[in-house]
Amino acid sequence: IDAAEKIFDLLGVTEWEERESSNYPPDNHYAMAYASNASLQVYDSHDDWSIDYPFNLALEKPRVGRGSGNVPTEPSAIATLLADGGFKVLVPQGDWWSNDWKFQGTIYPS
């Protein structure tokens, strides 16, 4: 959750909460943040490549009535902000959710 707090701070999001769910192994928790133009989730990775990228950031449509301010919604803009804040970021390309994914994408900082 320390990473989530830093990520949300770098993106300018002030409204967020930690949630529990068995859908988010291995620790069964995730962080959910709210802006007026998007909702964001940060959760632990549990894939073979997660040693270099220990968590994921998912961007969704905003939850109605939640959050204020806008966050960047372009993956490259988000990745640049996070890389400038000290994170190593991978913006995946292709079917990253598939077992056949070949670890393709753009790494920030480059």
N, C-alpha and C. Protein backbone atom coordinates (compact mmCIF):
# COMPACT_ATOMS: atom_id res chain seq x y z
N ILE A 1 0.82 -1.19 0.00
CA ILE A 1 0.00 0.00 0.00
C ILE A 1 0.86 1.25 0.00
N ASP A 2 2.09 1.15 0.47
CA ASP A 2 2.99 2.30 0.41
C ASP A 2 3.19 2.75 -1.03
N ALA A 3 3.32 1.78 -1.94
CA ALA A 3 3.48 2.12 -3.36
C ALA A 3 2.22 2.81 -3.87
N ALA A 4 1.05 2.33 -3.49
CA ALA A 4 -0.21 2.94 -3.94
C ALA A 4 -0.29 4.38 -3.48
N GLU A 5 0.07 4.63 -2.24
CA GLU A 5 0.01 5.98 -1.72
C GLU A 5 0.93 6.92 -2.51
N LYS A 6 2.12 6.44 -2.83
CA LYS A 6 3.07 7.25 -3.60
C LYS A 6 2.56 7.47 -5.03
N ILE A 7 2.02 6.43 -5.65
CA ILE A 7 1.48 6.53 -7.01
C ILE A 7 0.35 7.56 -7.05
N PHE A 8 -0.58 7.45 -6.13
CA PHE A 8 -1.71 8.36 -6.12
C PHE A 8 -1.25 9.79 -5.87
N ASP A 9 -0.25 9.96 -5.03
CA ASP A 9 0.30 11.29 -4.78
C ASP A 9 0.93 11.86 -6.05
N LEU A 10 1.72 11.06 -6.77
CA LEU A 10 2.35 11.52 -8.00
C LEU A 10 1.32 11.89 -9.07
N LEU A 11 0.18 11.21 -9.06
CA LEU A 11 -0.87 11.49 -10.04
C LEU A 11 -1.84 12.57 -9.56
N GLY A 12 -1.65 13.05 -8.34
CA GLY A 12 -2.48 14.12 -7.82
C GLY A 12 -3.84 13.68 -7.31
N VAL A 13 -3.95 12.41 -6.95
CA VAL A 13 -5.22 11.87 -6.45
C VAL A 13 -5.19 11.88 -4.92
N THR A 14 -6.20 12.47 -4.32
CA THR A 14 -6.23 12.56 -2.86
C THR A 14 -7.26 11.63 -2.21
N GLU A 15 -8.24 11.18 -2.97
CA GLU A 15 -9.27 10.31 -2.40
C GLU A 15 -8.99 8.87 -2.80
N TRP A 16 -8.64 8.04 -1.81
CA TRP A 16 -8.40 6.63 -2.08
C TRP A 16 -8.64 5.81 -0.83
N GLU A 17 -8.77 4.51 -1.04
CA GLU A 17 -9.01 3.60 0.08
C GLU A 17 -8.40 2.24 -0.20
N GLU A 18 -8.09 1.53 0.86
CA GLU A 18 -7.62 0.15 0.72
C GLU A 18 -8.83 -0.76 0.85
N ARG A 19 -8.86 -1.79 0.01
CA ARG A 19 -9.97 -2.74 0.02
C ARG A 19 -9.43 -4.16 0.10
N GLU A 20 -10.28 -5.07 0.55
CA GLU A 20 -9.94 -6.48 0.60
C GLU A 20 -10.79 -7.24 -0.40
N SER A 21 -10.15 -8.22 -1.07
CA SER A 21 -10.87 -9.06 -2.01
C SER A 21 -10.00 -10.27 -2.35
N SER A 22 -10.59 -11.45 -2.36
CA SER A 22 -9.85 -12.66 -2.72
C SER A 22 -9.49 -12.68 -4.21
N ASN A 23 -10.00 -11.73 -4.98
CA ASN A 23 -9.66 -11.63 -6.40
C ASN A 23 -8.29 -11.00 -6.62
N TYR A 24 -7.62 -10.55 -5.56
CA TYR A 24 -6.34 -9.87 -5.67
C TYR A 24 -5.27 -10.58 -4.84
N PRO A 25 -4.85 -11.77 -5.31
CA PRO A 25 -3.79 -12.48 -4.59
C PRO A 25 -2.46 -11.76 -4.78
N PRO A 26 -1.45 -11.96 -4.02
CA PRO A 26 -1.39 -12.96 -2.95
C PRO A 26 -1.88 -12.46 -1.60
N ASP A 27 -2.02 -11.16 -1.40
CA ASP A 27 -2.39 -10.63 -0.09
C ASP A 27 -3.86 -10.26 0.03
N ASN A 28 -4.63 -10.50 -1.02
CA ASN A 28 -6.08 -10.26 -1.01
C ASN A 28 -6.47 -8.82 -0.66
N HIS A 29 -5.68 -7.88 -1.18
CA HIS A 29 -6.03 -6.49 -0.99
C HIS A 29 -5.60 -5.67 -2.20
N TYR A 30 -6.20 -4.50 -2.33
CA TYR A 30 -5.84 -3.55 -3.38
C TYR A 30 -6.21 -2.16 -2.91
N ALA A 31 -5.72 -1.16 -3.62
CA ALA A 31 -6.05 0.22 -3.30
C ALA A 31 -6.86 0.78 -4.47
N MET A 32 -7.89 1.52 -4.15
CA MET A 32 -8.77 2.12 -5.15
C MET A 32 -8.76 3.62 -4.94
N ALA A 33 -8.53 4.38 -6.03
CA ALA A 33 -8.49 5.84 -5.96
C ALA A 33 -9.52 6.42 -6.92
N TYR A 34 -9.92 7.66 -6.63
CA TYR A 34 -10.99 8.28 -7.40
C TYR A 34 -10.61 9.69 -7.82
N ALA A 35 -10.74 9.96 -9.10
CA ALA A 35 -10.62 11.31 -9.67
C ALA A 35 -11.91 11.55 -10.44
N SER A 36 -12.13 12.77 -10.87
CA SER A 36 -13.39 13.05 -11.57
C SER A 36 -13.44 12.40 -12.95
N ASN A 37 -12.27 12.15 -13.56
CA ASN A 37 -12.26 11.57 -14.91
C ASN A 37 -11.85 10.11 -14.96
N ALA A 38 -11.49 9.51 -13.83
CA ALA A 38 -11.06 8.11 -13.84
C ALA A 38 -11.01 7.55 -12.42
N SER A 39 -11.10 6.24 -12.34
CA SER A 39 -10.83 5.51 -11.10
C SER A 39 -9.59 4.68 -11.35
N LEU A 40 -8.78 4.49 -10.31
CA LEU A 40 -7.52 3.77 -10.46
C LEU A 40 -7.41 2.69 -9.40
N GLN A 41 -6.87 1.55 -9.80
CA GLN A 41 -6.60 0.46 -8.86
C GLN A 41 -5.11 0.17 -8.87
N VAL A 42 -4.54 -0.05 -7.70
CA VAL A 42 -3.17 -0.54 -7.57
C VAL A 42 -3.26 -1.86 -6.81
N TYR A 43 -2.65 -2.90 -7.38
CA TYR A 43 -2.70 -4.22 -6.75
C TYR A 43 -1.41 -4.97 -7.03
N ASP A 44 -1.12 -5.95 -6.19
CA ASP A 44 0.10 -6.73 -6.30
C ASP A 44 0.12 -7.57 -7.56
N SER A 45 1.29 -7.67 -8.18
CA SER A 45 1.48 -8.58 -9.30
C SER A 45 1.75 -9.96 -8.75
N HIS A 46 1.41 -10.96 -9.49
CA HIS A 46 1.74 -12.33 -9.09
C HIS A 46 2.11 -13.17 -10.31
N ASP A 47 2.80 -12.52 -11.24
CA ASP A 47 3.23 -13.18 -12.47
C ASP A 47 4.73 -13.44 -12.42
N ASP A 48 5.23 -14.19 -13.38
CA ASP A 48 6.66 -14.52 -13.43
C ASP A 48 7.53 -13.28 -13.53
N TRP A 49 7.06 -12.23 -14.17
CA TRP A 49 7.86 -11.02 -14.38
C TRP A 49 7.68 -10.00 -13.27
N SER A 50 6.92 -10.35 -12.21
CA SER A 50 6.59 -9.36 -11.19
C SER A 50 7.75 -9.00 -10.28
N ILE A 51 8.86 -9.70 -10.36
CA ILE A 51 10.01 -9.32 -9.53
C ILE A 51 10.49 -7.92 -9.88
N ASP A 52 10.43 -7.56 -11.15
CA ASP A 52 10.82 -6.21 -11.58
C ASP A 52 9.65 -5.23 -11.52
N TYR A 53 8.44 -5.74 -11.54
CA TYR A 53 7.23 -4.91 -11.55
C TYR A 53 6.26 -5.50 -10.52
N PRO A 54 6.44 -5.17 -9.24
CA PRO A 54 5.71 -5.86 -8.17
C PRO A 54 4.23 -5.48 -8.02
N PHE A 55 3.76 -4.51 -8.79
CA PHE A 55 2.36 -4.14 -8.70
C PHE A 55 1.85 -3.66 -10.05
N ASN A 56 0.54 -3.64 -10.18
CA ASN A 56 -0.13 -3.18 -11.41
C ASN A 56 -0.97 -1.96 -11.09
N LEU A 57 -1.14 -1.13 -12.10
CA LEU A 57 -2.03 0.02 -12.03
C LEU A 57 -3.06 -0.13 -13.13
N ALA A 58 -4.33 -0.13 -12.75
CA ALA A 58 -5.42 -0.23 -13.72
C ALA A 58 -6.22 1.06 -13.69
N LEU A 59 -6.57 1.55 -14.87
CA LEU A 59 -7.34 2.78 -15.03
C LEU A 59 -8.72 2.40 -15.54
N GLU A 60 -9.76 2.94 -14.91
CA GLU A 60 -11.13 2.62 -15.27
C GLU A 60 -11.94 3.89 -15.49
N LYS A 61 -13.15 3.74 -15.99
CA LYS A 61 -14.08 4.86 -16.05
C LYS A 61 -14.33 5.33 -14.63
N PRO A 62 -14.61 6.61 -14.44
CA PRO A 62 -14.81 7.10 -13.07
C PRO A 62 -16.05 6.51 -12.42
N ARG A 63 -15.97 6.34 -11.11
CA ARG A 63 -17.14 5.93 -10.33
C ARG A 63 -18.01 7.17 -10.12
N VAL A 64 -19.27 7.06 -10.40
CA VAL A 64 -20.18 8.20 -10.32
C VAL A 64 -20.17 8.79 -8.91
N GLY A 65 -20.02 10.11 -8.85
CA GLY A 65 -20.08 10.81 -7.59
C GLY A 65 -18.85 10.69 -6.72
N ARG A 66 -17.76 10.17 -7.25
CA ARG A 66 -16.55 10.00 -6.45
C ARG A 66 -15.42 10.80 -7.06
N GLY A 67 -14.58 11.35 -6.22
CA GLY A 67 -13.35 11.96 -6.64
C GLY A 67 -13.48 13.37 -7.19
N SER A 68 -12.33 14.03 -7.21
CA SER A 68 -12.26 15.38 -7.77
C SER A 68 -10.93 15.51 -8.50
N GLY A 69 -10.83 16.51 -9.34
CA GLY A 69 -9.61 16.70 -10.12
C GLY A 69 -9.49 15.67 -11.22
N ASN A 70 -8.61 15.94 -12.15
CA ASN A 70 -8.39 15.03 -13.27
C ASN A 70 -7.01 14.41 -13.18
N VAL A 71 -6.90 13.19 -13.67
CA VAL A 71 -5.61 12.51 -13.76
C VAL A 71 -5.31 12.27 -15.23
N PRO A 72 -4.03 12.12 -15.58
CA PRO A 72 -3.72 11.74 -16.96
C PRO A 72 -4.35 10.38 -17.26
N THR A 73 -4.81 10.20 -18.48
CA THR A 73 -5.38 8.91 -18.85
C THR A 73 -4.60 8.21 -19.96
N GLU A 74 -3.63 8.89 -20.54
CA GLU A 74 -2.77 8.26 -21.55
C GLU A 74 -1.69 7.45 -20.83
N PRO A 75 -1.52 6.19 -21.18
CA PRO A 75 -0.50 5.37 -20.50
C PRO A 75 0.89 5.99 -20.50
N SER A 76 1.30 6.61 -21.60
CA SER A 76 2.64 7.19 -21.64
C SER A 76 2.78 8.37 -20.67
N ALA A 77 1.72 9.16 -20.51
CA ALA A 77 1.76 10.29 -19.57
C ALA A 77 1.82 9.79 -18.13
N ILE A 78 1.04 8.77 -17.81
CA ILE A 78 1.08 8.18 -16.48
C ILE A 78 2.45 7.58 -16.21
N ALA A 79 2.97 6.82 -17.18
CA ALA A 79 4.28 6.18 -17.02
C ALA A 79 5.39 7.20 -16.81
N THR A 80 5.34 8.30 -17.53
CA THR A 80 6.36 9.34 -17.38
C THR A 80 6.32 9.94 -15.98
N LEU A 81 5.12 10.26 -15.49
CA LEU A 81 4.99 10.81 -14.14
C LEU A 81 5.52 9.84 -13.08
N LEU A 82 5.18 8.57 -13.24
CA LEU A 82 5.63 7.58 -12.26
C LEU A 82 7.14 7.35 -12.35
N ALA A 83 7.68 7.32 -13.57
CA ALA A 83 9.13 7.17 -13.73
C ALA A 83 9.86 8.36 -13.16
N ASP A 84 9.35 9.56 -13.38
CA ASP A 84 9.96 10.76 -12.79
C ASP A 84 9.91 10.71 -11.27
N GLY A 85 8.95 9.97 -10.72
CA GLY A 85 8.82 9.82 -9.28
C GLY A 85 9.61 8.67 -8.70
N GLY A 86 10.40 7.99 -9.56
CA GLY A 86 11.28 6.94 -9.06
C GLY A 86 10.85 5.51 -9.33
N PHE A 87 9.74 5.31 -10.02
CA PHE A 87 9.27 3.97 -10.33
C PHE A 87 9.82 3.49 -11.67
N LYS A 88 10.08 2.19 -11.78
CA LYS A 88 10.36 1.54 -13.06
C LYS A 88 9.00 1.06 -13.56
N VAL A 89 8.63 1.49 -14.77
CA VAL A 89 7.28 1.26 -15.28
C VAL A 89 7.33 0.51 -16.60
N LEU A 90 6.43 -0.44 -16.76
CA LEU A 90 6.24 -1.14 -18.03
C LEU A 90 4.82 -0.85 -18.51
N VAL A 91 4.71 -0.28 -19.71
CA VAL A 91 3.41 -0.13 -20.36
C VAL A 91 3.33 -1.30 -21.34
N PRO A 92 2.52 -2.31 -21.02
CA PRO A 92 2.50 -3.52 -21.85
C PRO A 92 1.83 -3.28 -23.20
N GLN A 93 2.24 -4.08 -24.17
CA GLN A 93 1.62 -4.10 -25.48
C GLN A 93 1.13 -5.51 -25.75
N GLY A 94 0.03 -5.61 -26.42
CA GLY A 94 -0.51 -6.92 -26.74
C GLY A 94 -1.39 -7.44 -25.62
N ASP A 95 -1.66 -8.72 -25.64
CA ASP A 95 -2.56 -9.36 -24.69
C ASP A 95 -1.83 -9.71 -23.40
N TRP A 96 -1.47 -8.68 -22.61
CA TRP A 96 -0.67 -8.87 -21.41
C TRP A 96 -1.34 -9.77 -20.38
N TRP A 97 -2.64 -9.94 -20.44
CA TRP A 97 -3.38 -10.77 -19.51
C TRP A 97 -3.34 -12.25 -19.89
N SER A 98 -2.87 -12.52 -21.09
CA SER A 98 -2.83 -13.89 -21.61
C SER A 98 -1.60 -14.64 -21.12
N ASN A 99 -1.74 -15.93 -20.93
CA ASN A 99 -0.59 -16.77 -20.55
C ASN A 99 0.46 -16.82 -21.65
N ASP A 100 0.10 -16.49 -22.87
CA ASP A 100 1.02 -16.53 -24.01
C ASP A 100 1.74 -15.21 -24.25
N TRP A 101 1.48 -14.20 -23.41
CA TRP A 101 2.10 -12.88 -23.60
C TRP A 101 3.61 -13.00 -23.51
N LYS A 102 4.31 -12.30 -24.39
CA LYS A 102 5.77 -12.42 -24.53
C LYS A 102 6.52 -11.23 -23.93
N PHE A 103 5.95 -10.57 -22.91
CA PHE A 103 6.61 -9.47 -22.22
C PHE A 103 7.06 -8.39 -23.21
N GLN A 104 6.10 -7.84 -23.91
CA GLN A 104 6.37 -6.76 -24.85
C GLN A 104 5.77 -5.48 -24.31
N GLY A 105 6.46 -4.38 -24.56
CA GLY A 105 5.95 -3.10 -24.13
C GLY A 105 7.06 -2.07 -24.06
N THR A 106 6.73 -0.92 -23.51
CA THR A 106 7.67 0.17 -23.37
C THR A 106 8.03 0.32 -21.90
N ILE A 107 9.32 0.42 -21.62
CA ILE A 107 9.81 0.55 -20.25
C ILE A 107 10.20 2.00 -20.00
N TYR A 108 9.77 2.52 -18.86
CA TYR A 108 10.11 3.87 -18.43
C TYR A 108 10.86 3.75 -17.10
N PRO A 109 11.86 4.53 -16.80
CA PRO A 109 12.51 5.44 -17.74
C PRO A 109 13.26 4.64 -18.80
N SER A 110 13.32 5.21 -19.98
CA SER A 110 13.95 4.48 -21.10
C SER A 110 15.44 4.74 -21.15
